[in-house]
Amino acid sequence: MMYFMNRSLHDKEKIMIYYMDSDNRVTQRIIRVIQMEVHSIVAFCYYRRQIRTFRLNNILSVGPTKKGVGA
């Protein structure tokens, strides 16, 4: 998980995450990590088209995106 986040941060690459929000809904997001903190990451979310903070313990899965995926 941290491998893809570090790669996104340093290489400015998009990654795909599955994230559980505060209402326990699971969403798929395409993001680009801007900053990593101890318990969260700050990233540009292509789904919401804004900078968002994601709690690490709510990220269920992380992986690369396929070419052409995202905004």
C-alpha atoms as a PDB file:
ATOM      1  CA  MET A   1       0.000   0.000   0.000  1.00  0.00           C
ATOM      2  CA  MET A   2       2.697   2.500   0.978  1.00  0.00           C
ATOM      3  CA  TYR A   3       4.672   1.662  -2.169  1.00  0.00           C
ATOM      4  CA  PHE A   4       1.924   3.005  -4.441  1.00  0.00           C
ATOM      5  CA  MET A   5       1.353   6.066  -2.254  1.00  0.00           C
ATOM      6  CA  ASN A   6       5.053   6.956  -2.195  1.00  0.00           C
ATOM      7  CA  ARG A   7       5.263   6.453  -5.944  1.00  0.00           C
ATOM      8  CA  SER A   8       2.248   8.704  -6.463  1.00  0.00           C
ATOM      9  CA  LEU A   9       3.795  11.373  -4.242  1.00  0.00           C
ATOM     10  CA  HIS A  10       7.251  11.366  -5.829  1.00  0.00           C
ATOM     11  CA  ASP A  11       6.366  10.626  -9.464  1.00  0.00           C
ATOM     12  CA  LYS A  12       3.039  12.536  -9.477  1.00  0.00           C
ATOM     13  CA  GLU A  13       1.226   9.418 -10.689  1.00  0.00           C
ATOM     14  CA  LYS A  14      -2.464   8.667 -10.307  1.00  0.00           C
ATOM     15  CA  ILE A  15      -3.421   5.672  -8.169  1.00  0.00           C
ATOM     16  CA  MET A  16      -6.730   3.974  -7.453  1.00  0.00           C
ATOM     17  CA  ILE A  17      -7.994   3.464  -3.918  1.00  0.00           C
ATOM     18  CA  TYR A  18     -11.049   1.867  -2.367  1.00  0.00           C
ATOM     19  CA  TYR A  19     -12.064   4.059   0.540  1.00  0.00           C
ATOM     20  CA  MET A  20     -14.632   3.668   3.320  1.00  0.00           C
ATOM     21  CA  ASP A  21     -16.212   7.005   4.231  1.00  0.00           C
ATOM     22  CA  SER A  22     -17.706   8.065   7.574  1.00  0.00           C
ATOM     23  CA  ASP A  23     -21.061   6.489   6.610  1.00  0.00           C
ATOM     24  CA  ASN A  24     -19.341   3.126   5.924  1.00  0.00           C
ATOM     25  CA  ARG A  25     -19.862   3.439   2.181  1.00  0.00           C
ATOM     26  CA  VAL A  26     -17.047   2.084   0.020  1.00  0.00           C
ATOM     27  CA  THR A  27     -16.070   4.206  -2.964  1.00  0.00           C
ATOM     28  CA  GLN A  28     -13.477   3.808  -5.671  1.00  0.00           C
ATOM     29  CA  ARG A  29     -11.328   6.924  -6.120  1.00  0.00           C
ATOM     30  CA  ILE A  30      -8.589   7.955  -8.502  1.00  0.00           C
ATOM     31  CA  ILE A  31      -6.171  10.195  -6.595  1.00  0.00           C
ATOM     32  CA  ARG A  32      -2.730  11.785  -6.778  1.00  0.00           C
ATOM     33  CA  VAL A  33      -0.944  12.045  -3.442  1.00  0.00           C
ATOM     34  CA  ILE A  34       0.235  15.546  -2.513  1.00  0.00           C
ATOM     35  CA  GLN A  35       1.377  15.017   1.077  1.00  0.00           C
ATOM     36  CA  MET A  36       1.747  12.069   3.423  1.00  0.00           C
ATOM     37  CA  GLU A  37       1.157  12.405   7.139  1.00  0.00           C
ATOM     38  CA  VAL A  38       1.284   9.906  10.011  1.00  0.00           C
ATOM     39  CA  HIS A  39      -2.390   8.865   9.925  1.00  0.00           C
ATOM     40  CA  SER A  40      -3.605  10.369   6.656  1.00  0.00           C
ATOM     41  CA  ILE A  41      -2.725  11.492   3.161  1.00  0.00           C
ATOM     42  CA  VAL A  42      -3.620  14.699   1.366  1.00  0.00           C
ATOM     43  CA  ALA A  43      -4.424  14.044  -2.273  1.00  0.00           C
ATOM     44  CA  PHE A  44      -6.148  15.470  -5.303  1.00  0.00           C
ATOM     45  CA  CYS A  45      -9.303  13.402  -5.802  1.00  0.00           C
ATOM     46  CA  TYR A  46     -10.326  13.187  -9.454  1.00  0.00           C
ATOM     47  CA  TYR A  47     -13.824  11.995  -8.433  1.00  0.00           C
ATOM     48  CA  ARG A  48     -14.544  15.116  -6.339  1.00  0.00           C
ATOM     49  CA  ARG A  49     -12.162  17.316  -8.374  1.00  0.00           C
ATOM     50  CA  GLN A  50     -10.633  18.825  -5.259  1.00  0.00           C
ATOM     51  CA  ILE A  51      -7.948  18.285  -2.670  1.00  0.00           C
ATOM     52  CA  ARG A  52      -9.128  15.876   0.023  1.00  0.00           C
ATOM     53  CA  THR A  53      -7.709  14.257   3.156  1.00  0.00           C
ATOM     54  CA  PHE A  54      -7.966  10.466   3.407  1.00  0.00           C
ATOM     55  CA  ARG A  55      -7.445   8.596   6.673  1.00  0.00           C
ATOM     56  CA  LEU A  56      -5.045   5.696   6.167  1.00  0.00           C
ATOM     57  CA  ASN A  57      -7.104   3.298   8.285  1.00  0.00           C
ATOM     58  CA  ASN A  58     -10.107   3.890   5.972  1.00  0.00           C
ATOM     59  CA  ILE A  59      -8.188   3.016   2.795  1.00  0.00           C
ATOM     60  CA  LEU A  60      -9.108  -0.587   2.024  1.00  0.00           C
ATOM     61  CA  SER A  61      -7.024  -1.154  -1.100  1.00  0.00           C
ATOM     62  CA  VAL A  62      -4.493   0.695  -3.265  1.00  0.00           C
ATOM     63  CA  GLY A  63      -3.307  -0.059  -6.760  1.00  0.00           C
ATOM     64  CA  PRO A  64      -2.162   1.403 -10.057  1.00  0.00           C
ATOM     65  CA  THR A  65      -4.577   2.863 -12.563  1.00  0.00           C
ATOM     66  CA  LYS A  66      -4.942   1.665 -16.109  1.00  0.00           C
ATOM     67  CA  LYS A  67      -3.985   4.117 -18.810  1.00  0.00           C
ATOM     68  CA  GLY A  68      -6.876   6.362 -19.723  1.00  0.00           C
ATOM     69  CA  VAL A  69      -8.634   5.988 -16.358  1.00  0.00           C
ATOM     70  CA  GLY A  70      -9.513   9.108 -14.406  1.00  0.00           C
ATOM     71  CA  ALA A  71     -10.325  12.671 -15.221  1.00  0.00           C
END
